Amino acid sequence: MALFSIPLGTEGRLKSLYSYPNTKESKKTLANTILHWFNQTLARDGLTALGASAAIKINNNEYTLELNGPQNLEATFEEYGKRLPQFLQDGWEALTTVIPKLKEDGRWDPENTGQWRFFLPHGLAMVNQRSLQFFHYPPIRLLDTMQDYLDDPVPVRWAELLEANGVKNDREAWLYETVIDATPIAAPDDQGSKKSPKGDKHWGLIPIQFFPDYQKAMVKLLLNESQAHSGYTTPIVVYGSHPREIFQDLYLGDLKLGINVAGTAEIIPGLKTPVLGVNHPYRFYAQAQIDNDNPKTGYVGSGKIVPKNCEGVVKLMKKDLAAARWQVLMAENPSLDPQTLIQECEKYWEAPEQMADVCKLVTHEGSLLYPNLPALDFTYRLSLHDAAGVCSLHENNPCASLV
């Protein structure tokens, strides 16, 4: 008998909510697909290591998630029992109310790529997360290739910045990387930067402006109260210009949430939430590797930094490292003054003694390589260890090795 059971709903509804089948060639059943994503959640909440496991029971077309593990996990399983059904319901409301209107108005996949799909942020920490990350929309490869919300150069890069700021390893980094995409639509990478054919020049193709109810529901659902500091929640980091603007309109009033600008929101009544606006992590890759003068050799995934871009890339890296440091320190103590803390974090990463780490990260992450672009897999030409060796030969100047 299961330690705790969570009714999920009927097969037809769950097929839509879990984007089933995730890939055209997938042979997984719906039950196995649900387990694929929820087992990732158990791992990223740190519960698999404690003996937690999950199974799906099907009875008269009704699906139930059954959780087992040590008795002391029952309270955590009960929290899943509160959050997972609401998570699915919030997604269902967006799917059944917003998406149909977008299709009617011609805002759904307006370039007819055939690659837009409804996609919820499955597989992330849902109960033990130490912060939230508010993004734009998920790349389609996270669903239709990787089947992993964190198997992408963007979350991988941010995890490395978190580790540079004291997070022990990628497993601990998972607790900081619970993502809420403001638009639950998986689409190709280039869709976020394109303009809308409907005359909406400000927001572009991705219809982020049509999901305020979904955005507020997801943030409230996944925002944890601070365990150590009464009256506060865990922090939220907001990435990229459109998400920053949406978030400030939802919660921050007159505060303009610029890059490395922090403030406080009241999302859960009576609790203060520290918020930081930052660069989108992908900007580093674009600024490092794109060469508009030589696009055949200077593109994201080329495996090398364009020399003329390097100085600006170093400045960008320091900004992002400061933001990741803010995220870690604010998760520890959300009662700190948000804007004062980001200023202190920037000073920390501007100090000369941090250049070894700055150089290592610039050199390593600047070597992002797509060895087979159509396959959407990625690697880094230089590991962090190899990058450190390169830096030691050039007095920790990442640009010197490019000359």
Protein backbone atom coordinates (compact mmCIF):
# COMPACT_ATOMS: atom_id res chain seq x y z
CA MET A 1 0.00 0.00 0.00
CA ALA A 2 1.27 3.46 -0.94
CA LEU A 3 2.40 5.82 1.78
CA PHE A 4 0.53 8.64 0.00
CA SER A 5 -1.67 8.82 -3.12
CA ILE A 6 -2.45 11.79 -5.36
CA PRO A 7 -5.36 11.65 -7.87
CA LEU A 8 -4.19 13.15 -11.17
CA GLY A 9 -7.26 12.95 -13.38
CA THR A 10 -8.35 11.27 -16.59
CA GLU A 11 -6.22 10.06 -19.47
CA GLY A 12 -7.40 12.66 -21.99
CA ARG A 13 -6.72 15.58 -19.67
CA LEU A 14 -3.31 14.24 -18.65
CA LYS A 15 -2.23 13.72 -22.25
CA SER A 16 -2.65 17.44 -22.81
CA LEU A 17 -1.05 18.48 -19.51
CA TYR A 18 2.02 16.28 -20.04
CA SER A 19 2.35 17.12 -23.76
CA TYR A 20 1.99 13.42 -24.60
CA PRO A 21 3.73 11.99 -26.49
CA ASN A 22 6.73 14.18 -25.73
CA THR A 23 8.51 13.10 -28.92
CA LYS A 24 7.08 11.73 -32.17
CA GLU A 25 9.11 8.57 -31.94
CA SER A 26 8.44 7.97 -28.24
CA LYS A 27 7.24 4.53 -27.25
CA LYS A 28 6.55 5.53 -23.65
CA THR A 29 3.06 5.10 -22.31
CA LEU A 30 1.31 8.07 -20.72
CA ALA A 31 1.94 6.53 -17.30
CA ASN A 32 5.66 6.19 -18.02
CA THR A 33 5.78 9.77 -19.31
CA ILE A 34 4.22 11.10 -16.11
CA LEU A 35 6.67 9.04 -14.06
CA HIS A 36 9.59 10.28 -16.16
CA TRP A 37 8.83 13.86 -15.17
CA PHE A 38 7.82 13.21 -11.58
CA ASN A 39 10.90 11.09 -10.91
CA GLN A 40 12.95 14.12 -11.97
CA THR A 41 11.01 16.20 -9.44
CA LEU A 42 11.69 13.68 -6.67
CA ALA A 43 15.40 13.76 -7.51
CA ARG A 44 15.57 17.55 -7.68
CA ASP A 45 13.74 17.94 -4.40
CA GLY A 46 16.41 15.68 -2.92
CA LEU A 47 13.95 12.91 -2.08
CA THR A 48 15.15 10.09 -4.31
CA ALA A 49 18.36 10.01 -2.28
CA LEU A 50 16.20 9.61 0.84
CA GLY A 51 14.40 6.57 -0.53
CA ALA A 52 11.34 8.13 -2.18
CA SER A 53 9.78 6.42 -5.17
CA ALA A 54 6.71 6.85 -7.35
CA ALA A 55 4.32 4.67 -9.33
CA ILE A 56 1.18 5.21 -11.40
CA LYS A 57 -2.05 3.34 -10.75
CA ILE A 58 -4.80 3.35 -13.39
CA ASN A 59 -8.41 2.52 -12.52
CA ASN A 60 -11.32 3.14 -14.90
CA ASN A 61 -9.32 5.74 -16.87
CA GLU A 62 -8.41 7.61 -13.66
CA TYR A 63 -4.69 8.03 -12.97
CA THR A 64 -3.28 8.13 -9.44
CA LEU A 65 0.29 8.91 -8.41
CA GLU A 66 1.41 6.65 -5.58
CA LEU A 67 4.35 7.72 -3.43
CA ASN A 68 6.40 5.48 -1.20
CA GLY A 69 9.39 5.92 1.05
CA PRO A 70 10.38 6.27 4.69
CA GLN A 71 7.59 7.28 7.05
CA ASN A 72 9.25 10.63 7.78
CA LEU A 73 8.60 11.71 4.17
CA GLU A 74 4.83 11.59 4.57
CA ALA A 75 4.52 15.31 5.37
CA THR A 76 6.50 16.16 2.23
CA PHE A 77 4.32 13.82 0.16
CA GLU A 78 1.29 15.62 1.56
CA GLU A 79 2.75 18.87 0.23
CA TYR A 80 2.97 17.29 -3.22
CA GLY A 81 -0.67 16.34 -2.71
CA LYS A 82 -1.52 20.02 -2.35
CA ARG A 83 0.74 21.40 -5.06
CA LEU A 84 0.76 18.92 -7.94
CA PRO A 85 -3.04 18.90 -8.53
CA GLN A 86 -3.09 22.72 -8.36
CA PHE A 87 -0.07 22.90 -10.69
CA LEU A 88 -1.96 20.80 -13.22
CA GLN A 89 -5.16 22.81 -12.73
CA ASP A 90 -3.34 26.11 -13.29
CA GLY A 91 -1.91 24.64 -16.48
CA TRP A 92 -5.32 23.36 -17.56
CA GLU A 93 -6.86 26.79 -17.20
CA ALA A 94 -4.15 28.33 -19.39
CA LEU A 95 -4.50 25.52 -21.92
CA THR A 96 -8.28 25.74 -22.17
CA THR A 97 -8.84 29.49 -21.87
CA VAL A 98 -5.77 31.32 -23.24
CA ILE A 99 -4.42 28.95 -25.89
CA PRO A 100 -7.71 28.70 -27.86
CA LYS A 101 -7.91 32.51 -28.06
CA LEU A 102 -4.33 32.70 -29.31
CA LYS A 103 -5.16 30.21 -32.04
CA GLU A 104 -8.29 32.12 -33.01
CA ASP A 105 -6.33 35.38 -33.23
CA GLY A 106 -3.51 33.90 -35.29
CA ARG A 107 -1.01 34.38 -32.48
CA TRP A 108 -0.26 30.68 -32.13
CA ASP A 109 2.84 29.74 -34.17
CA PRO A 110 2.35 32.67 -36.56
CA GLU A 111 5.35 31.61 -38.68
CA ASN A 112 3.89 28.11 -39.08
CA THR A 113 7.02 26.40 -37.77
CA GLY A 114 4.97 23.42 -36.63
CA GLN A 115 7.08 23.45 -33.47
CA TRP A 116 4.92 25.28 -30.95
CA ARG A 117 3.57 23.06 -28.16
CA PHE A 118 1.92 23.62 -24.82
CA PHE A 119 4.47 22.70 -22.14
CA LEU A 120 4.37 23.04 -18.36
CA PRO A 121 7.58 23.22 -16.25
CA HIS A 122 7.63 19.55 -15.30
CA GLY A 123 10.48 17.76 -13.58
CA LEU A 124 11.71 20.55 -11.28
CA ALA A 125 11.87 20.84 -7.51
CA MET A 126 8.32 21.52 -6.30
CA VAL A 127 8.47 21.51 -2.50
CA ASN A 128 12.07 22.09 -1.32
CA GLN A 129 13.14 24.82 -3.74
CA ARG A 130 15.23 27.66 -2.30
CA SER A 131 14.37 30.21 -4.98
CA LEU A 132 12.27 30.69 -8.11
CA GLN A 133 13.49 31.61 -11.58
CA PHE A 134 11.07 33.57 -13.78
CA PHE A 135 11.84 33.16 -17.50
CA HIS A 136 10.21 33.84 -20.88
CA TYR A 137 9.34 30.48 -22.50
CA PRO A 138 10.93 27.01 -22.76
CA PRO A 139 12.94 26.01 -25.85
CA ILE A 140 11.17 23.20 -27.72
CA ARG A 141 14.19 20.91 -27.40
CA LEU A 142 13.57 20.62 -23.64
CA LEU A 143 10.40 18.71 -24.51
CA ASP A 144 10.86 17.24 -27.96
CA THR A 145 14.48 16.15 -27.66
CA MET A 146 15.91 16.29 -24.14
CA GLN A 147 12.77 15.60 -22.06
CA ASP A 148 14.50 17.54 -19.30
CA TYR A 149 13.79 21.16 -18.34
CA LEU A 150 17.39 21.66 -17.18
CA ASP A 151 19.27 19.96 -20.04
CA ASP A 152 20.10 23.14 -21.89
CA PRO A 153 23.02 25.61 -22.06
CA VAL A 154 21.01 28.22 -20.13
CA PRO A 155 20.28 26.30 -16.87
CA VAL A 156 23.63 24.50 -17.11
CA ARG A 157 25.41 27.85 -17.28
CA TRP A 158 23.44 29.26 -14.36
CA ALA A 159 24.16 26.18 -12.26
CA GLU A 160 27.87 26.77 -12.83
CA LEU A 161 27.50 30.37 -11.65
CA LEU A 162 25.67 29.17 -8.55
CA GLU A 163 28.47 26.71 -7.84
CA ALA A 164 31.02 29.51 -8.24
CA ASN A 165 29.11 31.24 -5.44
CA GLY A 166 29.25 28.41 -2.94
CA VAL A 167 26.58 25.94 -4.04
CA LYS A 168 28.19 22.52 -3.57
CA ASN A 169 27.26 20.72 -6.79
CA ASP A 170 24.71 20.44 -9.56
CA ARG A 171 22.33 18.47 -7.32
CA GLU A 172 22.22 21.31 -4.81
CA ALA A 173 21.92 23.79 -7.69
CA TRP A 174 18.67 22.07 -8.66
CA LEU A 175 17.07 23.55 -5.54
CA TYR A 176 17.71 27.05 -6.89
CA GLU A 177 16.49 26.30 -10.41
CA THR A 178 12.75 25.86 -10.12
CA VAL A 179 11.71 27.64 -13.32
CA ILE A 180 8.43 29.38 -14.01
CA ASP A 181 8.22 30.30 -17.67
CA ALA A 182 5.85 33.21 -18.11
CA THR A 183 4.57 31.58 -21.30
CA PRO A 184 3.87 27.81 -21.15
CA ILE A 185 4.66 27.34 -24.83
CA ALA A 186 7.66 25.38 -26.06
CA ALA A 187 8.99 26.96 -29.25
CA PRO A 188 12.24 27.26 -31.23
CA ASP A 189 14.99 29.47 -29.78
CA ASP A 190 14.61 32.23 -32.37
CA GLN A 191 10.91 32.84 -31.69
CA GLY A 192 11.55 34.93 -28.59
CA SER A 193 13.43 37.63 -30.47
CA LYS A 194 11.08 37.96 -33.44
CA LYS A 195 8.33 40.51 -33.94
CA SER A 196 4.66 39.63 -34.14
CA PRO A 197 2.87 39.75 -37.51
CA LYS A 198 -0.19 40.97 -35.59
CA GLY A 199 1.37 44.40 -35.21
CA ASP A 200 2.47 43.84 -31.61
CA LYS A 201 5.97 45.22 -32.03
CA HIS A 202 6.66 45.46 -28.32
CA TRP A 203 6.15 41.87 -27.17
CA GLY A 204 7.01 39.95 -30.31
CA LEU A 205 5.90 36.47 -31.36
CA ILE A 206 5.82 34.84 -27.93
CA PRO A 207 2.48 35.96 -26.41
CA ILE A 208 3.79 36.52 -22.89
CA GLN A 209 1.31 39.34 -22.26
CA PHE A 210 -1.73 37.01 -22.39
CA PHE A 211 -0.90 34.84 -19.38
CA PRO A 212 -1.14 37.07 -16.26
CA ASP A 213 -3.48 34.71 -14.39
CA TYR A 214 -1.25 31.72 -15.11
CA GLN A 215 1.87 33.67 -14.12
CA LYS A 216 0.41 34.82 -10.80
CA ALA A 217 -1.00 31.37 -10.01
CA MET A 218 2.30 29.58 -10.65
CA VAL A 219 4.41 32.07 -8.71
CA LYS A 220 2.10 31.93 -5.69
CA LEU A 221 1.91 28.12 -5.81
CA LEU A 222 5.67 27.49 -5.96
CA LEU A 223 6.90 30.32 -3.75
CA ASN A 224 8.07 28.89 -0.42
CA GLU A 225 7.92 30.71 2.88
CA SER A 226 11.35 31.15 4.45
CA GLN A 227 11.90 28.57 7.16
CA ALA A 228 14.49 30.63 9.01
CA HIS A 229 13.13 34.16 8.65
CA SER A 230 9.52 34.83 9.60
CA GLY A 231 7.67 37.27 7.37
CA TYR A 232 9.71 36.47 4.25
CA THR A 233 9.64 34.07 1.33
CA THR A 234 12.44 32.63 -0.72
CA PRO A 235 13.71 35.00 -3.45
CA ILE A 236 12.77 35.28 -7.11
CA VAL A 237 15.20 36.03 -9.94
CA VAL A 238 13.70 37.38 -13.18
CA TYR A 239 15.65 36.82 -16.41
CA GLY A 240 15.43 38.87 -19.60
CA SER A 241 13.72 42.07 -20.67
CA HIS A 242 10.18 40.80 -21.37
CA PRO A 243 9.93 38.72 -18.18
CA ARG A 244 11.29 41.65 -16.14
CA GLU A 245 8.66 43.97 -17.58
CA ILE A 246 5.85 41.46 -17.04
CA PHE A 247 6.95 40.78 -13.48
CA GLN A 248 7.20 44.45 -12.55
CA ASP A 249 3.71 45.05 -13.94
CA LEU A 250 2.35 42.14 -11.90
CA TYR A 251 3.98 42.92 -8.58
CA LEU A 252 6.32 45.90 -8.39
CA GLY A 253 4.35 49.00 -9.29
CA ASP A 254 6.66 51.90 -10.10
CA LEU A 255 9.92 49.96 -9.64
CA LYS A 256 11.60 49.43 -13.02
CA LEU A 257 13.19 46.01 -12.81
CA GLY A 258 16.38 46.62 -14.77
CA ILE A 259 19.50 44.48 -14.95
CA ASN A 260 20.80 43.78 -11.45
CA VAL A 261 18.08 45.94 -9.93
CA ALA A 262 16.41 44.49 -6.84
CA GLY A 263 13.26 45.19 -4.87
CA THR A 264 10.61 43.66 -2.67
CA ALA A 265 7.19 42.35 -3.64
CA GLU A 266 4.19 41.18 -1.60
CA ILE A 267 3.05 38.12 -3.51
CA ILE A 268 1.72 36.14 -0.56
CA PRO A 269 -0.22 38.50 1.76
CA GLY A 270 1.83 39.52 4.78
CA LEU A 271 5.12 38.14 3.42
CA LYS A 272 7.98 40.00 1.72
CA THR A 273 9.60 38.49 -1.35
CA PRO A 274 13.05 39.69 -2.51
CA VAL A 275 13.18 40.08 -6.31
CA LEU A 276 16.13 40.63 -8.65
CA GLY A 277 16.04 41.51 -12.34
CA VAL A 278 18.97 40.12 -14.35
CA ASN A 279 20.29 39.40 -17.84
CA HIS A 280 18.99 36.35 -19.62
CA PRO A 281 21.82 33.78 -19.26
CA TYR A 282 21.75 33.12 -23.02
CA ARG A 283 22.93 36.66 -23.62
CA PHE A 284 26.43 35.60 -22.59
CA TYR A 285 26.60 32.98 -25.34
CA ALA A 286 25.25 35.38 -27.95
CA GLN A 287 27.57 38.22 -26.95
CA ALA A 288 30.58 35.90 -26.78
CA GLN A 289 30.18 33.95 -30.00
CA ILE A 290 28.10 35.88 -32.54
CA ASP A 291 30.12 37.79 -35.13
CA ASN A 292 27.81 39.82 -37.34
CA ASP A 293 30.69 40.48 -39.72
CA ASN A 294 31.40 36.76 -40.13
CA PRO A 295 28.18 34.86 -39.35
CA LYS A 296 29.44 31.63 -40.95
CA THR A 297 32.14 31.27 -38.30
CA GLY A 298 30.81 33.48 -35.50
CA TYR A 299 27.57 31.96 -34.20
CA VAL A 300 26.24 30.49 -30.96
CA GLY A 301 27.62 26.98 -30.67
CA SER A 302 30.80 27.68 -32.65
CA GLY A 303 32.97 26.66 -29.70
CA LYS A 304 34.92 29.91 -29.52
CA ILE A 305 34.76 33.52 -28.36
CA VAL A 306 34.97 36.25 -30.98
CA PRO A 307 38.09 38.19 -29.85
CA LYS A 308 36.59 41.66 -30.41
CA ASN A 309 33.66 40.71 -28.15
CA CYS A 310 35.75 39.50 -25.23
CA GLU A 311 36.04 42.64 -23.12
CA GLY A 312 32.29 43.15 -23.02
CA VAL A 313 31.77 39.46 -22.28
CA VAL A 314 33.98 39.68 -19.19
CA LYS A 315 31.88 42.57 -17.87
CA LEU A 316 28.71 40.61 -18.56
CA MET A 317 30.08 37.55 -16.74
CA LYS A 318 30.82 39.62 -13.64
CA LYS A 319 27.26 40.98 -13.66
CA ASP A 320 25.80 37.49 -13.93
CA LEU A 321 28.08 36.08 -11.24
CA ALA A 322 26.95 38.88 -8.93
CA ALA A 323 23.31 38.00 -9.66
CA ALA A 324 23.91 34.33 -8.87
CA ARG A 325 25.66 35.32 -5.63
CA TRP A 326 22.63 37.45 -4.69
CA GLN A 327 20.39 34.45 -5.33
CA VAL A 328 22.42 32.21 -3.02
CA LEU A 329 22.84 34.72 -0.22
CA MET A 330 19.25 35.93 -0.38
CA ALA A 331 18.01 32.34 -0.20
CA GLU A 332 19.97 32.01 3.05
CA ASN A 333 18.65 35.27 4.48
CA PRO A 334 15.76 36.97 2.61
CA SER A 335 15.57 39.69 5.27
CA LEU A 336 18.69 41.34 3.80
CA ASP A 337 18.18 44.57 1.89
CA PRO A 338 17.87 43.40 -1.75
CA GLN A 339 19.45 46.39 -3.50
CA THR A 340 22.27 46.78 -1.00
CA LEU A 341 23.07 43.10 -1.38
CA ILE A 342 23.30 43.16 -5.18
CA GLN A 343 25.66 46.12 -4.96
CA GLU A 344 27.83 44.20 -2.50
CA CYS A 345 27.78 41.17 -4.79
CA GLU A 346 28.92 43.27 -7.73
CA LYS A 347 31.80 44.66 -5.68
CA TYR A 348 32.77 41.12 -4.71
CA TRP A 349 33.06 39.98 -8.33
CA GLU A 350 34.83 43.16 -9.44
CA ALA A 351 37.67 42.48 -6.98
CA PRO A 352 40.98 41.44 -8.62
CA GLU A 353 41.22 38.32 -6.49
CA GLN A 354 38.13 36.90 -8.23
CA MET A 355 39.63 37.11 -11.72
CA ALA A 356 40.82 33.51 -11.70
CA ASP A 357 37.23 32.30 -11.40
CA VAL A 358 35.95 34.93 -13.83
CA CYS A 359 38.55 33.93 -16.41
CA LYS A 360 37.85 30.23 -15.95
CA LEU A 361 34.11 30.65 -16.44
CA VAL A 362 34.43 33.00 -19.42
CA THR A 363 36.89 30.67 -21.13
CA HIS A 364 34.87 27.52 -20.42
CA GLU A 365 31.37 28.84 -21.16
CA GLY A 366 32.66 30.78 -24.15
CA SER A 367 33.62 27.42 -25.67
CA LEU A 368 29.98 26.28 -25.97
CA LEU A 369 29.87 23.88 -28.91
CA TYR A 370 26.99 22.40 -30.89
CA PRO A 371 28.78 19.46 -32.56
CA ASN A 372 25.67 18.50 -34.50
CA LEU A 373 23.32 21.45 -34.64
CA PRO A 374 20.23 19.62 -35.98
CA ALA A 375 20.49 17.16 -33.07
CA LEU A 376 20.40 20.02 -30.56
CA ASP A 377 23.00 18.39 -28.32
CA PHE A 378 25.70 20.57 -26.81
CA THR A 379 29.02 20.39 -25.03
CA TYR A 380 31.91 22.69 -24.12
CA ARG A 381 35.14 22.51 -26.04
CA LEU A 382 37.03 23.34 -22.84
CA SER A 383 36.09 21.90 -19.45
CA LEU A 384 36.31 24.09 -16.37
CA HIS A 385 39.56 22.31 -15.49
CA ASP A 386 41.03 22.91 -18.95
CA ALA A 387 39.86 26.53 -18.90
CA ALA A 388 41.62 27.08 -15.57
CA GLY A 389 44.84 25.81 -17.17
CA VAL A 390 44.47 28.23 -20.08
CA CYS A 391 43.85 31.10 -17.65
CA SER A 392 46.92 30.28 -15.57
CA LEU A 393 49.06 30.66 -18.70
CA HIS A 394 47.64 34.12 -19.43
CA GLU A 395 47.57 35.75 -15.98
CA ASN A 396 43.84 35.13 -15.69
CA ASN A 397 43.07 37.34 -18.66
CA PRO A 398 40.50 35.43 -20.75
CA CYS A 399 41.01 37.75 -23.71
CA ALA A 400 44.77 37.23 -23.91
CA SER A 401 44.43 33.63 -25.05
CA LEU A 402 42.31 34.75 -28.03
CA VAL A 403 44.96 36.98 -29.60
